[in-house]
Amino acid sequence: MPDLAAAPRGLSPAEVEQRKREGRTNDVPDAPVRTVGQIVRNNVLTPVNAIIGSMFVLIMVAGFPADALFAGVVVSNSVIGIAQELKARRTLHRLAVLSAPQARVVRDGRTQEVGTSEVVADEILELQPGDQVVVDGEVVAARGLEIDESLLTGESDPVDKSSGDGVMSGSFVN
C-alpha cells in the first residue's frame, strides 16, 4: 500500500483507471431481489395453507360444502401477504435509490463526489459530519474525528479516531 499521507493529491486519473481495470473497486453487488413469482409462490405454498387446503378437499369430498367457507382464510391470507410484500419491495427500492451514498474522493489534488461503486483501492476519502464511511480504510489525517460505529459494533458512544486508526464501512461521522 502506498504512503497516502505523503501523497495528499490522491490518485491520478491513470491510477484510477488502472485500478478499475484490475477490479479493485468498491462495487458491491446488490442483494438479490425476489421476483413477483417467488413472492406469490412463497405466500401461497405454505405449510398452513397446505393443511387448510387438505381439510377443504376432505370437506368437499365428504359432501359438506357449506362447512368449507374457512378456505376463504387461505385466499385472504395469501392475498394480504402478497400485497404487503410487494408494497415493501417497492418502498425498499425507492429508499435505495434515494439514499444511495456518495463519496468525496481526492483525485489529482481536487475533491470530487463519486458513487460508492466508483471508489477504488488506495483512494483518499474526505469525510464530513453526517457522512457514511463507504469503505474500510485507515485515517490519513484528522482533527477531532468521531465515528459512530454503533450499527456495526453495538457500541453506543462515538469512537475518537486519529491518523493511523482504522475506520469501517457502514459507520458514520459525528
C-alpha atoms as a PDB file:
ATOM      1  CA  MET A   1       0.000   0.000   0.000  1.00  0.00           C
ATOM      2  CA  PRO A   2       1.443   3.404  -0.924  1.00  0.00           C
ATOM      3  CA  ASP A   3       2.158   6.051   1.702  1.00  0.00           C
ATOM      4  CA  LEU A   4      -1.070   8.035   1.372  1.00  0.00           C
ATOM      5  CA  ALA A   5      -0.072  10.713   3.881  1.00  0.00           C
ATOM      6  CA  ALA A   6       2.865  11.619   1.658  1.00  0.00           C
ATOM      7  CA  ALA A   7       0.576  11.874  -1.386  1.00  0.00           C
ATOM      8  CA  PRO A   8      -2.252  14.253  -0.395  1.00  0.00           C
ATOM      9  CA  ARG A   9      -3.047  14.833  -4.065  1.00  0.00           C
ATOM     10  CA  GLY A  10      -4.795  11.481  -4.235  1.00  0.00           C
ATOM     11  CA  LEU A  11      -4.757   9.217  -7.233  1.00  0.00           C
ATOM     12  CA  SER A  12      -4.267  10.362 -10.802  1.00  0.00           C
ATOM     13  CA  PRO A  13      -6.887   9.534 -13.452  1.00  0.00           C
ATOM     14  CA  ALA A  14      -4.497   6.925 -14.894  1.00  0.00           C
ATOM     15  CA  GLU A  15      -4.125   5.242 -11.486  1.00  0.00           C
ATOM     16  CA  VAL A  16      -7.907   5.219 -11.037  1.00  0.00           C
ATOM     17  CA  GLU A  17      -8.405   3.622 -14.462  1.00  0.00           C
ATOM     18  CA  GLN A  18      -5.702   1.029 -13.765  1.00  0.00           C
ATOM     19  CA  ARG A  19      -7.393   0.005 -10.510  1.00  0.00           C
ATOM     20  CA  LYS A  20     -10.762  -0.219 -12.262  1.00  0.00           C
ATOM     21  CA  ARG A  21      -9.255  -2.491 -14.925  1.00  0.00           C
ATOM     22  CA  GLU A  22      -7.775  -4.659 -12.154  1.00  0.00           C
ATOM     23  CA  GLY A  23     -11.206  -4.890 -10.495  1.00  0.00           C
ATOM     24  CA  ARG A  24     -10.031  -3.063  -7.369  1.00  0.00           C
ATOM     25  CA  THR A  25     -13.246  -1.080  -6.941  1.00  0.00           C
ATOM     26  CA  ASN A  26     -15.860  -0.790  -4.216  1.00  0.00           C
ATOM     27  CA  ASP A  27     -18.524  -2.290  -6.464  1.00  0.00           C
ATOM     28  CA  VAL A  28     -20.669  -4.373  -4.132  1.00  0.00           C
ATOM     29  CA  PRO A  29     -23.355  -6.421  -5.891  1.00  0.00           C
ATOM     30  CA  ASP A  30     -26.928  -5.603  -4.960  1.00  0.00           C
ATOM     31  CA  ALA A  31     -28.766  -8.058  -2.766  1.00  0.00           C
ATOM     32  CA  PRO A  32     -30.912 -10.393  -4.844  1.00  0.00           C
ATOM     33  CA  VAL A  33     -34.500  -9.205  -5.155  1.00  0.00           C
ATOM     34  CA  ARG A  34     -37.260 -11.786  -5.148  1.00  0.00           C
ATOM     35  CA  THR A  35     -39.397 -11.848  -8.280  1.00  0.00           C
ATOM     36  CA  VAL A  36     -43.167 -11.461  -8.178  1.00  0.00           C
ATOM     37  CA  GLY A  37     -43.459 -15.184  -8.951  1.00  0.00           C
ATOM     38  CA  GLN A  38     -41.264 -16.079  -5.978  1.00  0.00           C
ATOM     39  CA  ILE A  39     -43.291 -13.795  -3.711  1.00  0.00           C
ATOM     40  CA  VAL A  40     -46.574 -15.383  -4.849  1.00  0.00           C
ATOM     41  CA  ARG A  41     -45.176 -18.915  -4.504  1.00  0.00           C
ATOM     42  CA  ASN A  42     -43.793 -18.237  -1.001  1.00  0.00           C
ATOM     43  CA  ASN A  43     -47.123 -16.809   0.174  1.00  0.00           C
ATOM     44  CA  VAL A  44     -49.357 -19.469  -1.381  1.00  0.00           C
ATOM     45  CA  LEU A  45     -47.312 -22.627  -0.844  1.00  0.00           C
ATOM     46  CA  THR A  46     -47.021 -22.593   2.942  1.00  0.00           C
ATOM     47  CA  PRO A  47     -47.469 -25.467   5.404  1.00  0.00           C
ATOM     48  CA  VAL A  48     -50.536 -23.807   6.947  1.00  0.00           C
ATOM     49  CA  ASN A  49     -52.140 -23.336   3.527  1.00  0.00           C
ATOM     50  CA  ALA A  50     -51.387 -27.000   2.704  1.00  0.00           C
ATOM     51  CA  ILE A  51     -53.137 -28.168   5.886  1.00  0.00           C
ATOM     52  CA  ILE A  52     -56.154 -25.917   5.349  1.00  0.00           C
ATOM     53  CA  GLY A  53     -56.275 -26.890   1.659  1.00  0.00           C
ATOM     54  CA  SER A  54     -56.246 -30.581   2.595  1.00  0.00           C
ATOM     55  CA  MET A  55     -59.076 -30.001   5.050  1.00  0.00           C
ATOM     56  CA  PHE A  56     -61.014 -28.144   2.339  1.00  0.00           C
ATOM     57  CA  VAL A  57     -60.642 -31.095  -0.058  1.00  0.00           C
ATOM     58  CA  LEU A  58     -61.763 -33.564   2.649  1.00  0.00           C
ATOM     59  CA  ILE A  59     -64.851 -31.497   3.483  1.00  0.00           C
ATOM     60  CA  MET A  60     -65.789 -31.147  -0.191  1.00  0.00           C
ATOM     61  CA  VAL A  61     -65.349 -34.913  -0.750  1.00  0.00           C
ATOM     62  CA  ALA A  62     -67.466 -35.613   2.338  1.00  0.00           C
ATOM     63  CA  GLY A  63     -70.243 -33.503   0.810  1.00  0.00           C
ATOM     64  CA  PHE A  64     -70.427 -30.584   3.247  1.00  0.00           C
ATOM     65  CA  PRO A  65     -69.692 -27.550   1.029  1.00  0.00           C
ATOM     66  CA  ALA A  66     -71.330 -25.124   3.495  1.00  0.00           C
ATOM     67  CA  ASP A  67     -68.655 -26.044   6.049  1.00  0.00           C
ATOM     68  CA  ALA A  68     -65.856 -25.233   3.593  1.00  0.00           C
ATOM     69  CA  LEU A  69     -66.111 -21.459   3.954  1.00  0.00           C
ATOM     70  CA  PHE A  70     -62.963 -21.423   6.093  1.00  0.00           C
ATOM     71  CA  ALA A  71     -60.988 -21.893   2.850  1.00  0.00           C
ATOM     72  CA  GLY A  72     -61.513 -18.171   2.315  1.00  0.00           C
ATOM     73  CA  VAL A  73     -58.903 -17.694   5.040  1.00  0.00           C
ATOM     74  CA  VAL A  74     -56.283 -19.259   2.756  1.00  0.00           C
ATOM     75  CA  VAL A  75     -57.157 -16.946  -0.103  1.00  0.00           C
ATOM     76  CA  SER A  76     -57.338 -13.779   2.001  1.00  0.00           C
ATOM     77  CA  ASN A  77     -54.152 -14.638   3.919  1.00  0.00           C
ATOM     78  CA  SER A  78     -52.262 -15.198   0.671  1.00  0.00           C
ATOM     79  CA  VAL A  79     -53.606 -12.030  -0.988  1.00  0.00           C
ATOM     80  CA  ILE A  80     -52.758  -9.891   2.046  1.00  0.00           C
ATOM     81  CA  GLY A  81     -49.255 -11.391   2.337  1.00  0.00           C
ATOM     82  CA  ILE A  82     -48.526 -10.866  -1.365  1.00  0.00           C
ATOM     83  CA  ALA A  83     -49.810  -7.275  -1.302  1.00  0.00           C
ATOM     84  CA  GLN A  84     -47.760  -6.387   1.783  1.00  0.00           C
ATOM     85  CA  GLU A  85     -44.579  -7.917   0.413  1.00  0.00           C
ATOM     86  CA  LEU A  86     -44.928  -6.193  -2.971  1.00  0.00           C
ATOM     87  CA  LYS A  87     -45.536  -2.853  -1.251  1.00  0.00           C
ATOM     88  CA  ALA A  88     -42.477  -3.369   0.987  1.00  0.00           C
ATOM     89  CA  ARG A  89     -40.374  -4.292  -2.056  1.00  0.00           C
ATOM     90  CA  ARG A  90     -41.400  -1.084  -3.880  1.00  0.00           C
ATOM     91  CA  THR A  91     -40.691   1.016  -0.781  1.00  0.00           C
ATOM     92  CA  LEU A  92     -37.245  -0.535  -0.280  1.00  0.00           C
ATOM     93  CA  HIS A  93     -36.395   0.067  -3.932  1.00  0.00           C
ATOM     94  CA  ARG A  94     -37.349   3.756  -3.630  1.00  0.00           C
ATOM     95  CA  LEU A  95     -35.337   4.108  -0.415  1.00  0.00           C
ATOM     96  CA  ALA A  96     -32.282   2.504  -2.007  1.00  0.00           C
ATOM     97  CA  VAL A  97     -32.417   4.993  -4.872  1.00  0.00           C
ATOM     98  CA  LEU A  98     -32.929   7.985  -2.558  1.00  0.00           C
ATOM     99  CA  SER A  99     -30.291   7.063  -0.009  1.00  0.00           C
ATOM    100  CA  ALA A 100     -27.514   5.880  -2.316  1.00  0.00           C
ATOM    101  CA  PRO A 101     -24.467   7.318  -0.524  1.00  0.00           C
ATOM    102  CA  GLN A 102     -21.899   9.363  -2.374  1.00  0.00           C
ATOM    103  CA  ALA A 103     -18.214   9.555  -1.522  1.00  0.00           C
ATOM    104  CA  ARG A 104     -15.929  12.587  -1.665  1.00  0.00           C
ATOM    105  CA  VAL A 105     -12.580  11.461  -3.030  1.00  0.00           C
ATOM    106  CA  VAL A 106      -9.364  13.378  -3.594  1.00  0.00           C
ATOM    107  CA  ARG A 107      -8.096  12.852  -7.126  1.00  0.00           C
ATOM    108  CA  ASP A 108      -5.319  14.879  -8.675  1.00  0.00           C
ATOM    109  CA  GLY A 109      -5.450  17.332  -5.765  1.00  0.00           C
ATOM    110  CA  ARG A 110      -9.170  18.084  -6.210  1.00  0.00           C
ATOM    111  CA  THR A 111     -12.111  16.842  -4.177  1.00  0.00           C
ATOM    112  CA  GLN A 112     -14.933  15.329  -6.209  1.00  0.00           C
ATOM    113  CA  GLU A 113     -18.094  13.381  -5.452  1.00  0.00           C
ATOM    114  CA  VAL A 114     -18.438   9.912  -6.925  1.00  0.00           C
ATOM    115  CA  GLY A 115     -20.786   6.989  -6.424  1.00  0.00           C
ATOM    116  CA  THR A 116     -19.620   4.428  -3.906  1.00  0.00           C
ATOM    117  CA  SER A 117     -19.026   1.879  -6.670  1.00  0.00           C
ATOM    118  CA  GLU A 118     -16.556   4.310  -8.287  1.00  0.00           C
ATOM    119  CA  VAL A 119     -14.244   4.337  -5.244  1.00  0.00           C
ATOM    120  CA  VAL A 120     -11.059   2.380  -5.962  1.00  0.00           C
ATOM    121  CA  ALA A 121      -8.318   0.874  -3.780  1.00  0.00           C
ATOM    122  CA  ASP A 122      -5.838   3.328  -2.172  1.00  0.00           C
ATOM    123  CA  GLU A 123      -8.294   6.209  -2.633  1.00  0.00           C
ATOM    124  CA  ILE A 124      -8.227   9.167  -0.218  1.00  0.00           C
ATOM    125  CA  LEU A 125     -11.722   9.998   1.019  1.00  0.00           C
ATOM    126  CA  GLU A 126     -12.716  13.286   2.586  1.00  0.00           C
ATOM    127  CA  LEU A 127     -15.221  12.816   5.416  1.00  0.00           C
ATOM    128  CA  GLN A 128     -17.502  15.409   6.993  1.00  0.00           C
ATOM    129  CA  PRO A 129     -20.033  15.211   9.842  1.00  0.00           C
ATOM    130  CA  GLY A 130     -23.051  13.162   8.809  1.00  0.00           C
ATOM    131  CA  ASP A 131     -21.174  11.215   6.120  1.00  0.00           C
ATOM    132  CA  GLN A 132     -21.348   7.457   5.905  1.00  0.00           C
ATOM    133  CA  VAL A 133     -17.977   5.728   5.672  1.00  0.00           C
ATOM    134  CA  VAL A 134     -18.327   3.785   2.409  1.00  0.00           C
ATOM    135  CA  VAL A 135     -15.149   1.658   2.555  1.00  0.00           C
ATOM    136  CA  ASP A 136     -12.917   0.136   5.196  1.00  0.00           C
ATOM    137  CA  GLY A 137      -9.763   2.167   5.478  1.00  0.00           C
ATOM    138  CA  GLU A 138      -7.164   3.972   7.501  1.00  0.00           C
ATOM    139  CA  VAL A 139      -7.304   7.571   8.710  1.00  0.00           C
ATOM    140  CA  VAL A 140      -4.607   9.596   6.936  1.00  0.00           C
ATOM    141  CA  ALA A 141      -5.214  12.905   8.716  1.00  0.00           C
ATOM    142  CA  ALA A 142      -7.902  14.007  11.158  1.00  0.00           C
ATOM    143  CA  ARG A 143      -8.874  16.769  13.530  1.00  0.00           C
ATOM    144  CA  GLY A 144     -11.499  15.847  16.134  1.00  0.00           C
ATOM    145  CA  LEU A 145     -12.809  12.916  14.093  1.00  0.00           C
ATOM    146  CA  GLU A 146     -15.516  10.900  15.868  1.00  0.00           C
ATOM    147  CA  ILE A 147     -17.011   7.830  14.239  1.00  0.00           C
ATOM    148  CA  ASP A 148     -20.349   6.260  15.201  1.00  0.00           C
ATOM    149  CA  GLU A 149     -19.791   2.505  14.857  1.00  0.00           C
ATOM    150  CA  SER A 150     -22.960   1.530  16.736  1.00  0.00           C
ATOM    151  CA  LEU A 151     -24.562  -0.214  13.750  1.00  0.00           C
ATOM    152  CA  LEU A 152     -21.501  -2.442  13.393  1.00  0.00           C
ATOM    153  CA  THR A 153     -20.262  -2.990  16.935  1.00  0.00           C
ATOM    154  CA  GLY A 154     -23.202  -2.134  19.184  1.00  0.00           C
ATOM    155  CA  GLU A 155     -21.041   0.442  20.996  1.00  0.00           C
ATOM    156  CA  SER A 156     -23.320   3.436  21.539  1.00  0.00           C
ATOM    157  CA  ASP A 157     -20.583   6.001  22.197  1.00  0.00           C
ATOM    158  CA  PRO A 158     -18.740   7.576  19.248  1.00  0.00           C
ATOM    159  CA  VAL A 159     -15.123   6.481  18.835  1.00  0.00           C
ATOM    160  CA  ASP A 160     -12.363   9.096  18.532  1.00  0.00           C
ATOM    161  CA  LYS A 161     -10.120   8.472  15.528  1.00  0.00           C
ATOM    162  CA  SER A 162      -6.714   9.872  14.651  1.00  0.00           C
ATOM    163  CA  SER A 163      -4.067   9.232  12.000  1.00  0.00           C
ATOM    164  CA  GLY A 164      -3.349   5.539  11.600  1.00  0.00           C
ATOM    165  CA  ASP A 165      -6.657   4.357  13.095  1.00  0.00           C
ATOM    166  CA  GLY A 166      -8.950   2.144  11.061  1.00  0.00           C
ATOM    167  CA  VAL A 167     -12.478   3.047  10.004  1.00  0.00           C
ATOM    168  CA  MET A 168     -15.163   0.572   8.984  1.00  0.00           C
ATOM    169  CA  SER A 169     -17.595   0.763   6.115  1.00  0.00           C
ATOM    170  CA  GLY A 170     -21.127   1.354   7.357  1.00  0.00           C
ATOM    171  CA  SER A 171     -20.128   3.635  10.220  1.00  0.00           C
ATOM    172  CA  PHE A 172     -20.995   7.341  10.320  1.00  0.00           C
ATOM    173  CA  VAL A 173     -19.007  10.509  11.016  1.00  0.00           C
ATOM    174  CA  ASN A 174     -20.265  12.532  14.017  1.00  0.00           C
END
